Amino acid sequence: MLVKHAAGNEANPWSSAPHGPVITATYRRGVLRAKVAVSELTCRSARIDSMDAVKPGMLVWLTLPGLEARPATVDWTSGFTAGLRFEAPLHPAVLDAILDGRIGSVH
C-alpha cells in the first residue's frame, strides 16, 4: 500500500490523483489555531482546506493525527485551499500508518 500512496506522485505532488482519505488535522500560523482537512498527503507535501487564507512562502505548523506539529511552507494557494511542503519529509512508514488509519487521534 505504501508504494501506491507515495511512489509516482513525488515528482508532481499536486497532481489530481487521490492520495488517500481526507484527514482532520490541526493547523497553526502564529497564534491562530484551527482544524483543517488534509488531502493529497505525501511524504513531502499536503493539501489543506481551512478557514484561513495564507500566502505562498508563509511558515505554518501542521499537526497530523498522532504526531507532533511539523513545520511546512505554503507553496501555493487558491482561496482557502493551500499546498504545503514539509521542511522534513514524513517517514514512509508513518505516512502509511496515517493513510491506513492506524494513527488516528489529533492532539
N, C-alpha and C. Protein backbone atom coordinates (compact mmCIF):
# COMPACT_ATOMS: atom_id res chain seq x y z
N MET A 1 0.81 -1.20 0.00
CA MET A 1 0.00 0.00 0.00
C MET A 1 0.86 1.26 0.00
N LEU A 2 1.97 1.24 0.68
CA LEU A 2 2.85 2.40 0.73
C LEU A 2 3.27 2.82 -0.67
N VAL A 3 3.59 1.87 -1.50
CA VAL A 3 4.02 2.18 -2.86
C VAL A 3 2.92 2.90 -3.62
N LYS A 4 1.66 2.47 -3.45
CA LYS A 4 0.56 3.11 -4.16
C LYS A 4 0.38 4.56 -3.72
N HIS A 5 0.57 4.85 -2.43
CA HIS A 5 0.34 6.20 -1.92
C HIS A 5 1.47 7.15 -2.27
N ALA A 6 2.72 6.71 -2.13
CA ALA A 6 3.83 7.64 -2.21
C ALA A 6 4.56 7.62 -3.55
N ALA A 7 4.74 6.49 -4.14
CA ALA A 7 5.53 6.39 -5.36
C ALA A 7 4.78 6.97 -6.54
N GLY A 8 5.52 7.58 -7.44
CA GLY A 8 4.94 8.08 -8.66
C GLY A 8 4.33 9.47 -8.53
N ASN A 9 3.99 9.90 -7.34
CA ASN A 9 3.40 11.22 -7.16
C ASN A 9 4.39 12.22 -6.57
N GLU A 10 5.58 11.77 -6.17
CA GLU A 10 6.56 12.68 -5.60
C GLU A 10 7.06 13.69 -6.63
N ALA A 11 7.14 13.30 -7.89
CA ALA A 11 7.60 14.23 -8.92
C ALA A 11 6.60 15.36 -9.11
N ASN A 12 5.32 15.08 -8.97
CA ASN A 12 4.27 16.09 -9.09
C ASN A 12 3.31 15.92 -7.92
N PRO A 13 3.66 16.49 -6.74
CA PRO A 13 2.82 16.27 -5.57
C PRO A 13 1.45 16.90 -5.66
N TRP A 14 1.20 17.77 -6.63
CA TRP A 14 -0.09 18.45 -6.73
C TRP A 14 -0.94 17.88 -7.86
N SER A 15 -0.64 16.63 -8.26
CA SER A 15 -1.46 16.00 -9.29
C SER A 15 -2.86 15.76 -8.75
N SER A 16 -3.79 15.51 -9.63
CA SER A 16 -5.17 15.29 -9.20
C SER A 16 -5.42 13.87 -8.72
N ALA A 17 -4.42 13.01 -8.79
CA ALA A 17 -4.59 11.63 -8.32
C ALA A 17 -4.84 11.61 -6.82
N PRO A 18 -5.77 10.79 -6.35
CA PRO A 18 -6.05 10.75 -4.91
C PRO A 18 -4.88 10.17 -4.14
N HIS A 19 -4.65 10.72 -2.97
CA HIS A 19 -3.56 10.28 -2.11
C HIS A 19 -4.12 9.80 -0.78
N GLY A 20 -5.18 9.06 -0.79
CA GLY A 20 -5.74 8.55 0.44
C GLY A 20 -6.91 9.37 0.92
N PRO A 21 -7.35 9.07 2.13
CA PRO A 21 -8.55 9.72 2.67
C PRO A 21 -8.28 11.16 3.10
N VAL A 22 -9.37 11.90 3.30
CA VAL A 22 -9.25 13.24 3.87
C VAL A 22 -9.06 13.05 5.37
N ILE A 23 -8.08 13.72 5.93
CA ILE A 23 -7.71 13.57 7.33
C ILE A 23 -7.91 14.90 8.04
N THR A 24 -8.44 14.87 9.25
CA THR A 24 -8.57 16.08 10.05
C THR A 24 -7.28 16.28 10.82
N ALA A 25 -6.74 17.49 10.77
CA ALA A 25 -5.51 17.83 11.46
C ALA A 25 -5.66 19.20 12.11
N THR A 26 -4.68 19.59 12.87
CA THR A 26 -4.65 20.92 13.48
C THR A 26 -3.60 21.75 12.77
N TYR A 27 -3.93 22.98 12.53
CA TYR A 27 -3.07 23.90 11.79
C TYR A 27 -2.78 25.10 12.68
N ARG A 28 -1.57 25.61 12.61
CA ARG A 28 -1.20 26.79 13.39
C ARG A 28 -0.38 27.75 12.54
N ARG A 29 -0.75 29.02 12.61
CA ARG A 29 0.01 30.08 11.96
C ARG A 29 0.06 31.21 12.99
N GLY A 30 1.25 31.43 13.56
CA GLY A 30 1.35 32.41 14.64
C GLY A 30 0.53 31.93 15.83
N VAL A 31 -0.40 32.77 16.30
CA VAL A 31 -1.25 32.38 17.43
C VAL A 31 -2.56 31.75 16.97
N LEU A 32 -2.86 31.83 15.69
CA LEU A 32 -4.09 31.24 15.16
C LEU A 32 -3.97 29.72 15.11
N ARG A 33 -4.96 29.03 15.67
CA ARG A 33 -5.03 27.57 15.62
C ARG A 33 -6.40 27.19 15.08
N ALA A 34 -6.42 26.18 14.22
CA ALA A 34 -7.69 25.77 13.63
C ALA A 34 -7.59 24.32 13.17
N LYS A 35 -8.74 23.68 13.02
CA LYS A 35 -8.81 22.36 12.41
C LYS A 35 -8.83 22.55 10.90
N VAL A 36 -8.18 21.66 10.18
CA VAL A 36 -8.16 21.70 8.72
C VAL A 36 -8.40 20.31 8.17
N ALA A 37 -8.84 20.25 6.93
CA ALA A 37 -8.98 18.98 6.21
C ALA A 37 -7.72 18.82 5.36
N VAL A 38 -7.03 17.71 5.53
CA VAL A 38 -5.81 17.42 4.79
C VAL A 38 -6.13 16.38 3.73
N SER A 39 -5.73 16.67 2.51
CA SER A 39 -5.89 15.71 1.42
C SER A 39 -4.60 15.69 0.61
N GLU A 40 -4.48 14.75 -0.27
CA GLU A 40 -3.30 14.61 -1.11
C GLU A 40 -2.03 14.61 -0.27
N LEU A 41 -2.02 13.81 0.78
CA LEU A 41 -0.88 13.72 1.68
C LEU A 41 0.19 12.81 1.09
N THR A 42 1.41 13.31 1.00
CA THR A 42 2.57 12.52 0.58
C THR A 42 3.64 12.70 1.65
N CYS A 43 4.77 12.07 1.48
CA CYS A 43 5.86 12.22 2.44
C CYS A 43 6.36 13.67 2.51
N ARG A 44 6.28 14.38 1.41
CA ARG A 44 6.84 15.73 1.34
C ARG A 44 5.82 16.86 1.32
N SER A 45 4.55 16.55 1.10
CA SER A 45 3.59 17.63 0.92
C SER A 45 2.19 17.25 1.37
N ALA A 46 1.36 18.27 1.49
CA ALA A 46 -0.06 18.07 1.84
C ALA A 46 -0.86 19.22 1.27
N ARG A 47 -2.10 18.92 0.98
CA ARG A 47 -3.05 19.95 0.54
C ARG A 47 -4.04 20.14 1.68
N ILE A 48 -4.26 21.40 2.09
CA ILE A 48 -5.19 21.65 3.19
C ILE A 48 -6.33 22.56 2.74
N ASP A 49 -7.48 22.36 3.35
CA ASP A 49 -8.63 23.24 3.20
C ASP A 49 -8.90 23.79 4.58
N SER A 50 -8.86 25.13 4.70
CA SER A 50 -9.04 25.74 6.01
C SER A 50 -9.92 26.97 5.91
N MET A 51 -10.12 27.63 7.02
CA MET A 51 -10.89 28.87 7.06
C MET A 51 -9.96 30.08 7.11
N ASP A 52 -8.67 29.87 6.88
CA ASP A 52 -7.67 30.91 6.93
C ASP A 52 -7.00 31.04 5.56
N ALA A 53 -6.94 32.27 5.05
CA ALA A 53 -6.27 32.50 3.77
C ALA A 53 -4.79 32.77 4.05
N VAL A 54 -3.93 31.90 3.54
CA VAL A 54 -2.49 32.08 3.71
C VAL A 54 -1.87 32.47 2.38
N LYS A 55 -0.62 32.89 2.43
CA LYS A 55 0.08 33.32 1.22
C LYS A 55 1.29 32.43 0.98
N PRO A 56 1.67 32.23 -0.28
CA PRO A 56 2.86 31.44 -0.58
C PRO A 56 4.08 32.00 0.14
N GLY A 57 4.90 31.09 0.65
CA GLY A 57 6.10 31.47 1.38
C GLY A 57 5.93 31.51 2.89
N MET A 58 4.69 31.52 3.38
CA MET A 58 4.44 31.56 4.83
C MET A 58 4.84 30.24 5.47
N LEU A 59 5.31 30.33 6.72
CA LEU A 59 5.60 29.15 7.52
C LEU A 59 4.39 28.84 8.37
N VAL A 60 3.92 27.62 8.33
CA VAL A 60 2.80 27.16 9.15
C VAL A 60 3.23 25.87 9.85
N TRP A 61 2.44 25.46 10.83
CA TRP A 61 2.69 24.21 11.55
C TRP A 61 1.48 23.33 11.40
N LEU A 62 1.69 22.10 10.99
CA LEU A 62 0.60 21.16 10.79
C LEU A 62 0.78 19.98 11.75
N THR A 63 -0.26 19.72 12.54
CA THR A 63 -0.23 18.59 13.47
C THR A 63 -1.12 17.49 12.90
N LEU A 64 -0.49 16.47 12.36
CA LEU A 64 -1.20 15.32 11.81
C LEU A 64 -1.57 14.38 12.95
N PRO A 65 -2.58 13.55 12.76
CA PRO A 65 -3.03 12.65 13.81
C PRO A 65 -1.89 11.82 14.41
N GLY A 66 -1.76 11.89 15.73
CA GLY A 66 -0.77 11.10 16.44
C GLY A 66 0.66 11.62 16.39
N LEU A 67 0.90 12.75 15.72
CA LEU A 67 2.25 13.28 15.59
C LEU A 67 2.36 14.66 16.22
N GLU A 68 3.59 15.11 16.43
CA GLU A 68 3.82 16.46 16.90
C GLU A 68 3.69 17.41 15.71
N ALA A 69 3.59 18.70 16.01
CA ALA A 69 3.47 19.72 14.96
C ALA A 69 4.70 19.68 14.06
N ARG A 70 4.45 19.80 12.75
CA ARG A 70 5.52 19.78 11.75
C ARG A 70 5.53 21.09 10.99
N PRO A 71 6.70 21.73 10.86
CA PRO A 71 6.75 22.97 10.09
C PRO A 71 6.60 22.68 8.60
N ALA A 72 5.90 23.58 7.91
CA ALA A 72 5.69 23.44 6.47
C ALA A 72 5.62 24.84 5.86
N THR A 73 6.03 24.94 4.63
CA THR A 73 5.98 26.20 3.89
C THR A 73 4.82 26.13 2.90
N VAL A 74 4.08 27.21 2.77
CA VAL A 74 2.99 27.28 1.82
C VAL A 74 3.58 27.45 0.42
N ASP A 75 3.30 26.51 -0.47
CA ASP A 75 3.78 26.56 -1.86
C ASP A 75 2.83 27.36 -2.74
N TRP A 76 1.54 27.14 -2.57
CA TRP A 76 0.54 27.80 -3.43
C TRP A 76 -0.77 27.90 -2.67
N THR A 77 -1.63 28.79 -3.12
CA THR A 77 -2.96 28.92 -2.53
C THR A 77 -4.00 29.16 -3.62
N SER A 78 -5.22 28.79 -3.30
CA SER A 78 -6.37 29.07 -4.15
C SER A 78 -7.55 29.22 -3.21
N GLY A 79 -7.88 30.46 -2.88
CA GLY A 79 -8.93 30.71 -1.90
C GLY A 79 -8.48 30.22 -0.54
N PHE A 80 -9.24 29.27 0.02
CA PHE A 80 -8.91 28.72 1.33
C PHE A 80 -8.26 27.34 1.25
N THR A 81 -7.78 27.01 0.07
CA THR A 81 -7.04 25.76 -0.15
C THR A 81 -5.58 26.13 -0.35
N ALA A 82 -4.69 25.35 0.26
CA ALA A 82 -3.25 25.64 0.15
C ALA A 82 -2.46 24.35 0.00
N GLY A 83 -1.36 24.45 -0.71
CA GLY A 83 -0.42 23.35 -0.84
C GLY A 83 0.76 23.61 0.08
N LEU A 84 1.05 22.66 0.95
CA LEU A 84 2.15 22.80 1.90
C LEU A 84 3.28 21.85 1.54
N ARG A 85 4.50 22.28 1.78
CA ARG A 85 5.67 21.42 1.60
C ARG A 85 6.35 21.32 2.96
N PHE A 86 6.47 20.09 3.48
CA PHE A 86 7.09 19.87 4.79
C PHE A 86 8.57 20.21 4.75
N GLU A 87 9.07 20.81 5.83
CA GLU A 87 10.51 21.10 5.91
C GLU A 87 11.32 19.81 5.99
N ALA A 88 10.78 18.81 6.70
CA ALA A 88 11.41 17.49 6.78
C ALA A 88 10.34 16.48 6.37
N PRO A 89 10.64 15.63 5.39
CA PRO A 89 9.61 14.70 4.92
C PRO A 89 9.19 13.70 5.99
N LEU A 90 7.95 13.23 5.87
CA LEU A 90 7.47 12.15 6.72
C LEU A 90 8.19 10.86 6.35
N HIS A 91 8.41 10.02 7.31
CA HIS A 91 8.95 8.70 7.01
C HIS A 91 7.85 7.92 6.28
N PRO A 92 8.19 7.15 5.26
CA PRO A 92 7.17 6.41 4.52
C PRO A 92 6.30 5.50 5.39
N ALA A 93 6.85 4.91 6.44
CA ALA A 93 6.06 4.06 7.32
C ALA A 93 5.04 4.89 8.11
N VAL A 94 5.41 6.10 8.48
CA VAL A 94 4.49 6.99 9.19
C VAL A 94 3.36 7.41 8.26
N LEU A 95 3.70 7.77 7.03
CA LEU A 95 2.67 8.13 6.05
C LEU A 95 1.70 6.97 5.85
N ASP A 96 2.24 5.78 5.71
CA ASP A 96 1.40 4.60 5.51
C ASP A 96 0.46 4.38 6.70
N ALA A 97 0.96 4.57 7.91
CA ALA A 97 0.14 4.39 9.12
C ALA A 97 -0.98 5.44 9.19
N ILE A 98 -0.68 6.67 8.80
CA ILE A 98 -1.70 7.72 8.79
C ILE A 98 -2.78 7.40 7.76
N LEU A 99 -2.38 7.05 6.56
CA LEU A 99 -3.33 6.79 5.48
C LEU A 99 -4.16 5.53 5.74
N ASP A 100 -3.59 4.57 6.45
CA ASP A 100 -4.32 3.33 6.78
C ASP A 100 -5.22 3.51 8.00
N GLY A 101 -5.11 4.64 8.69
CA GLY A 101 -5.92 4.88 9.87
C GLY A 101 -5.37 4.23 11.13
N ARG A 102 -4.13 3.76 11.10
CA ARG A 102 -3.53 3.16 12.29
C ARG A 102 -3.09 4.23 13.29
N ILE A 103 -2.90 5.46 12.82
CA ILE A 103 -2.67 6.60 13.71
C ILE A 103 -3.89 7.48 13.50
N GLY A 104 -4.70 7.64 14.54
CA GLY A 104 -5.98 8.27 14.29
C GLY A 104 -6.46 9.35 15.23
N SER A 105 -5.65 9.79 16.18
CA SER A 105 -6.15 10.83 17.08
C SER A 105 -5.38 12.13 16.85
N VAL A 106 -6.08 13.24 17.00
CA VAL A 106 -5.44 14.56 16.86
C VAL A 106 -5.14 15.06 18.25
N HIS A 107 -3.94 15.60 18.47
CA HIS A 107 -3.55 16.14 19.79
C HIS A 107 -4.50 17.24 20.20
